[in-house]
């Protein structure tokens, strides 16, 4: 009978120690209101970053299209120059000097 009571007391003491350890862990955490405030701030920051990312993606897509257009224009100009050079072998017939400036 005393052995059973001793075992029960040991178990009860162990439970109390576990509860006290959990209580200390909980007490070490910031209040719920503070945690919620920090979470709200982080969510706002995340929304801002997502908007910034979206804007940067749109700018990148625009720059890709502009670069593609530039390459196309360079290709057309190159083709035109090759064609003109083949048709008019002497550069003097195409380019002439006007007042010290080269004109087409």
N, C-alpha and C. Protein backbone atom coordinates (compact mmCIF):
# COMPACT_ATOMS: atom_id res chain seq x y z
N UNK A 1 0.82 -1.18 0.00
CA UNK A 1 0.00 0.00 0.00
C UNK A 1 0.87 1.26 0.00
N UNK A 2 1.88 1.32 0.84
CA UNK A 2 2.77 2.47 0.87
C UNK A 2 3.59 2.55 -0.42
N UNK A 3 3.94 1.38 -0.96
CA UNK A 3 4.69 1.36 -2.21
C UNK A 3 3.87 1.97 -3.34
N UNK A 4 2.60 1.66 -3.37
CA UNK A 4 1.69 2.18 -4.41
C UNK A 4 1.56 3.69 -4.25
N UNK A 5 1.40 4.15 -3.00
CA UNK A 5 1.30 5.58 -2.74
C UNK A 5 2.59 6.30 -3.13
N UNK A 6 3.73 5.65 -2.85
CA UNK A 6 5.01 6.25 -3.22
C UNK A 6 5.14 6.37 -4.74
N UNK A 7 4.74 5.35 -5.46
CA UNK A 7 4.78 5.38 -6.92
C UNK A 7 3.85 6.46 -7.47
N UNK A 8 2.67 6.57 -6.90
CA UNK A 8 1.71 7.59 -7.32
C UNK A 8 2.25 8.98 -7.05
N UNK A 9 2.91 9.16 -5.92
CA UNK A 9 3.50 10.45 -5.57
C UNK A 9 4.64 10.79 -6.54
N UNK A 10 5.43 9.79 -6.89
CA UNK A 10 6.52 10.02 -7.85
C UNK A 10 5.96 10.44 -9.20
N UNK A 11 4.90 9.77 -9.65
CA UNK A 11 4.28 10.10 -10.94
C UNK A 11 3.68 11.49 -10.90
N UNK A 12 3.00 11.81 -9.78
CA UNK A 12 2.40 13.13 -9.63
C UNK A 12 3.48 14.22 -9.62
N UNK A 13 4.59 13.96 -8.96
CA UNK A 13 5.69 14.92 -8.92
C UNK A 13 6.28 15.11 -10.31
N UNK A 14 6.45 14.01 -11.04
CA UNK A 14 6.99 14.07 -12.39
C UNK A 14 6.05 14.91 -13.29
N UNK A 15 4.75 14.71 -13.15
CA UNK A 15 3.79 15.48 -13.93
C UNK A 15 3.87 16.97 -13.59
N UNK A 16 4.02 17.29 -12.32
CA UNK A 16 4.13 18.68 -11.90
C UNK A 16 5.40 19.31 -12.48
N UNK A 17 6.50 18.56 -12.48
CA UNK A 17 7.75 19.07 -13.04
C UNK A 17 7.61 19.32 -14.54
N UNK A 18 6.95 18.39 -15.23
CA UNK A 18 6.72 18.56 -16.66
C UNK A 18 5.85 19.79 -16.93
N UNK A 19 4.80 19.94 -16.12
CA UNK A 19 3.91 21.11 -16.26
C UNK A 19 4.68 22.41 -16.01
N UNK A 20 5.55 22.41 -15.02
CA UNK A 20 6.34 23.60 -14.71
C UNK A 20 7.30 23.92 -15.87
N UNK A 21 7.90 22.89 -16.47
CA UNK A 21 8.81 23.11 -17.60
C UNK A 21 8.03 23.70 -18.79
N UNK A 22 6.85 23.18 -19.04
CA UNK A 22 6.01 23.71 -20.13
C UNK A 22 5.59 25.14 -19.83
N UNK A 23 5.23 25.42 -18.57
CA UNK A 23 4.83 26.77 -18.18
C UNK A 23 5.97 27.76 -18.41
N UNK A 24 7.22 27.35 -18.10
CA UNK A 24 8.37 28.22 -18.31
C UNK A 24 8.58 28.50 -19.81
N UNK A 25 8.41 27.46 -20.62
CA UNK A 25 8.55 27.65 -22.07
C UNK A 25 7.50 28.63 -22.59
N UNK A 26 6.28 28.48 -22.12
CA UNK A 26 5.20 29.37 -22.55
C UNK A 26 5.47 30.80 -22.07
N UNK A 27 5.93 30.94 -20.84
CA UNK A 27 6.19 32.27 -20.29
C UNK A 27 7.32 32.98 -21.03
N UNK A 28 8.25 32.20 -21.61
CA UNK A 28 9.38 32.79 -22.32
C UNK A 28 8.98 33.36 -23.67
N UNK A 29 7.82 32.97 -24.18
CA UNK A 29 7.36 33.44 -25.49
C UNK A 29 6.72 34.83 -25.35
N UNK A 30 6.81 35.63 -26.45
CA UNK A 30 6.18 36.96 -26.39
C UNK A 30 4.66 36.82 -26.35
N UNK A 31 3.98 37.86 -25.91
CA UNK A 31 2.51 37.79 -25.86
C UNK A 31 1.91 37.58 -27.25
N UNK A 32 0.74 37.02 -27.28
CA UNK A 32 0.06 36.72 -28.54
C UNK A 32 -0.15 37.98 -29.38
N UNK A 33 -0.50 39.09 -28.73
CA UNK A 33 -0.73 40.34 -29.45
C UNK A 33 0.54 40.80 -30.17
N UNK A 34 1.69 40.66 -29.51
CA UNK A 34 2.96 41.05 -30.13
C UNK A 34 3.28 40.15 -31.32
N UNK A 35 3.07 38.86 -31.15
CA UNK A 35 3.32 37.91 -32.24
C UNK A 35 2.41 38.22 -33.42
N UNK A 36 1.14 38.51 -33.14
CA UNK A 36 0.18 38.82 -34.21
C UNK A 36 0.58 40.12 -34.92
N UNK A 37 1.05 41.10 -34.17
CA UNK A 37 1.50 42.37 -34.77
C UNK A 37 2.68 42.12 -35.71
N UNK A 38 3.64 41.32 -35.26
CA UNK A 38 4.79 41.00 -36.09
C UNK A 38 4.36 40.24 -37.34
N UNK A 39 3.43 39.33 -37.17
CA UNK A 39 2.93 38.55 -38.31
C UNK A 39 2.25 39.47 -39.32
N UNK A 40 1.45 40.42 -38.85
CA UNK A 40 0.79 41.37 -39.74
C UNK A 40 1.80 42.22 -40.50
N UNK A 41 2.84 42.66 -39.81
CA UNK A 41 3.89 43.45 -40.46
C UNK A 41 4.59 42.64 -41.55
N UNK A 42 4.89 41.38 -41.24
CA UNK A 42 5.55 40.52 -42.22
C UNK A 42 4.65 40.25 -43.42
N UNK A 43 3.36 40.10 -43.18
CA UNK A 43 2.42 39.88 -44.28
C UNK A 43 2.36 41.11 -45.19
N UNK A 44 2.36 42.31 -44.59
CA UNK A 44 2.38 43.54 -45.38
C UNK A 44 3.66 43.62 -46.21
N UNK A 45 4.77 43.28 -45.58
CA UNK A 45 6.05 43.31 -46.28
C UNK A 45 6.04 42.31 -47.45
N UNK A 46 5.47 41.15 -47.21
CA UNK A 46 5.38 40.13 -48.25
C UNK A 46 4.53 40.61 -49.42
N UNK A 47 3.40 41.25 -49.13
CA UNK A 47 2.54 41.78 -50.19
C UNK A 47 3.31 42.82 -51.00
N UNK A 48 4.06 43.68 -50.33
CA UNK A 48 4.87 44.68 -51.03
C UNK A 48 5.93 44.03 -51.91
N UNK A 49 6.56 43.00 -51.40
CA UNK A 49 7.59 42.31 -52.18
C UNK A 49 6.98 41.60 -53.39
N UNK A 50 5.80 41.03 -53.21
CA UNK A 50 5.13 40.36 -54.33
C UNK A 50 4.77 41.38 -55.41
N UNK A 51 4.31 42.56 -55.01
CA UNK A 51 4.00 43.60 -55.98
C UNK A 51 5.26 44.06 -56.71
N UNK A 52 6.34 44.21 -55.95
CA UNK A 52 7.62 44.61 -56.54
C UNK A 52 8.11 43.54 -57.52
N UNK A 53 7.96 42.28 -57.14
CA UNK A 53 8.36 41.18 -58.01
C UNK A 53 7.54 41.17 -59.29
N UNK A 54 6.23 41.41 -59.17
CA UNK A 54 5.36 41.44 -60.34
C UNK A 54 5.77 42.57 -61.28
N UNK A 55 6.05 43.74 -60.72
CA UNK A 55 6.47 44.89 -61.53
C UNK A 55 7.80 44.60 -62.22
N UNK A 56 8.71 43.98 -61.50
CA UNK A 56 10.02 43.65 -62.08
C UNK A 56 9.86 42.62 -63.20
N UNK A 57 8.95 41.67 -63.02
CA UNK A 57 8.70 40.66 -64.06
C UNK A 57 8.15 41.32 -65.32
N UNK A 58 7.22 42.26 -65.13
CA UNK A 58 6.65 42.96 -66.29
C UNK A 58 7.73 43.77 -67.00
N UNK A 59 8.59 44.44 -66.22
CA UNK A 59 9.67 45.22 -66.82
C UNK A 59 10.63 44.30 -67.58
N UNK A 60 10.94 43.15 -67.01
CA UNK A 60 11.83 42.20 -67.66
C UNK A 60 11.22 41.71 -68.97
N UNK A 61 9.94 41.40 -68.97
CA UNK A 61 9.27 40.96 -70.20
C UNK A 61 9.32 42.06 -71.26
N UNK A 62 9.07 43.30 -70.85
CA UNK A 62 9.14 44.42 -71.78
C UNK A 62 10.54 44.55 -72.36
N UNK A 63 11.56 44.45 -71.50
CA UNK A 63 12.94 44.56 -71.97
C UNK A 63 13.28 43.42 -72.94
N UNK A 64 12.77 42.23 -72.68
CA UNK A 64 13.01 41.09 -73.60
C UNK A 64 12.42 41.41 -74.97
N UNK A 65 11.20 41.95 -74.98
CA UNK A 65 10.56 42.29 -76.25
C UNK A 65 11.33 43.40 -76.95
N UNK A 66 11.75 44.40 -76.20
CA UNK A 66 12.51 45.50 -76.79
C UNK A 66 13.84 45.00 -77.36
N UNK A 67 14.48 44.09 -76.65
CA UNK A 67 15.75 43.55 -77.12
C UNK A 67 15.53 42.73 -78.38
N UNK A 68 14.46 41.95 -78.41
CA UNK A 68 14.13 41.18 -79.61
C UNK A 68 13.89 42.09 -80.80
N UNK A 69 13.18 43.20 -80.56
CA UNK A 69 12.94 44.16 -81.63
C UNK A 69 14.25 44.78 -82.09
N UNK A 70 15.12 45.12 -81.15
CA UNK A 70 16.42 45.68 -81.50
C UNK A 70 17.21 44.72 -82.38
N UNK A 71 17.23 43.44 -82.00
CA UNK A 71 17.95 42.45 -82.81
C UNK A 71 17.33 42.34 -84.20
N UNK A 72 16.02 42.42 -84.27
CA UNK A 72 15.36 42.36 -85.58
C UNK A 72 15.75 43.56 -86.43
N UNK A 73 15.74 44.76 -85.83
CA UNK A 73 16.11 45.97 -86.57
C UNK A 73 17.56 45.88 -87.03
N UNK A 74 18.44 45.41 -86.17
CA UNK A 74 19.86 45.25 -86.55
C UNK A 74 19.97 44.28 -87.71
N UNK A 75 19.20 43.22 -87.69
CA UNK A 75 19.21 42.24 -88.77
C UNK A 75 18.74 42.87 -90.07
N UNK A 76 17.67 43.66 -90.01
CA UNK A 76 17.14 44.31 -91.20
C UNK A 76 18.16 45.32 -91.75
N UNK A 77 18.75 46.10 -90.85
CA UNK A 77 19.76 47.07 -91.29
C UNK A 77 20.95 46.35 -91.91
N UNK A 78 21.38 45.26 -91.31
CA UNK A 78 22.50 44.49 -91.84
C UNK A 78 22.16 43.94 -93.22
N UNK A 79 20.97 43.38 -93.34
CA UNK A 79 20.53 42.86 -94.63
C UNK A 79 20.50 43.97 -95.68
N UNK A 80 19.96 45.13 -95.29
CA UNK A 80 19.88 46.27 -96.20
C UNK A 80 21.28 46.70 -96.63
N UNK A 81 22.19 46.77 -95.69
CA UNK A 81 23.57 47.18 -96.02
C UNK A 81 24.22 46.17 -96.97
N UNK A 82 24.00 44.89 -96.72
CA UNK A 82 24.56 43.87 -97.61
C UNK A 82 23.96 44.01 -98.99
N UNK A 83 22.67 44.21 -99.07
CA UNK A 83 21.99 44.37 -100.35
C UNK A 83 22.50 45.60 -101.09
N UNK A 84 22.60 46.76 -100.40
CA UNK A 84 23.06 47.99 -101.03
C UNK A 84 24.50 47.84 -101.50
N UNK A 85 25.33 47.22 -100.65
CA UNK A 85 26.74 47.04 -101.02
C UNK A 85 26.87 46.13 -102.23
N UNK A 86 26.01 45.11 -102.33
CA UNK A 86 26.07 44.21 -103.48
C UNK A 86 25.57 44.91 -104.75
N UNK A 87 24.55 45.74 -104.59
CA UNK A 87 23.97 46.42 -105.76
C UNK A 87 24.84 47.59 -106.21
N UNK A 88 25.42 48.31 -105.27
CA UNK A 88 26.27 49.47 -105.56
C UNK A 88 27.64 49.24 -104.94
N UNK A 89 28.54 48.62 -105.67
CA UNK A 89 29.83 48.26 -105.10
C UNK A 89 30.67 49.44 -104.64
N UNK A 90 30.48 50.60 -105.21
CA UNK A 90 31.28 51.73 -104.78
C UNK A 90 30.51 52.50 -103.72
N UNK A 91 31.12 52.71 -102.62
CA UNK A 91 30.49 53.39 -101.50
C UNK A 91 30.19 54.84 -101.85
N UNK A 92 30.98 55.45 -102.75
CA UNK A 92 30.79 56.85 -103.10
C UNK A 92 29.41 57.11 -103.71
N UNK A 93 28.82 56.12 -104.35
CA UNK A 93 27.51 56.34 -104.95
C UNK A 93 26.41 56.40 -103.91
N UNK A 94 26.68 55.91 -102.72
CA UNK A 94 25.66 55.90 -101.68
C UNK A 94 25.91 56.98 -100.64
N UNK A 95 27.14 57.09 -100.17
CA UNK A 95 27.48 58.07 -99.14
C UNK A 95 28.22 59.23 -99.80
N UNK A 96 27.88 60.40 -99.44
CA UNK A 96 28.60 61.57 -99.95
C UNK A 96 28.75 62.55 -98.80
N UNK A 97 29.68 63.42 -98.94
CA UNK A 97 29.96 64.39 -97.89
C UNK A 97 29.21 65.68 -98.16
N UNK A 98 28.57 66.17 -97.08
CA UNK A 98 27.89 67.44 -97.18
C UNK A 98 28.40 68.29 -96.02
N UNK A 99 29.14 69.32 -96.34
CA UNK A 99 29.65 70.23 -95.31
C UNK A 99 30.45 69.52 -94.23
N UNK A 100 31.25 68.53 -94.58
CA UNK A 100 32.07 67.82 -93.60
C UNK A 100 31.34 66.73 -92.86
N UNK A 101 30.06 66.50 -93.16
CA UNK A 101 29.27 65.46 -92.48
C UNK A 101 28.92 64.38 -93.49
N UNK A 102 28.88 63.16 -93.04
CA UNK A 102 28.50 62.08 -93.92
C UNK A 102 26.98 61.95 -93.90
N UNK A 103 26.37 61.83 -95.07
CA UNK A 103 24.92 61.70 -95.14
C UNK A 103 24.58 60.53 -96.06
N UNK A 104 23.39 60.03 -95.94
CA UNK A 104 22.97 58.92 -96.79
C UNK A 104 22.02 59.46 -97.84
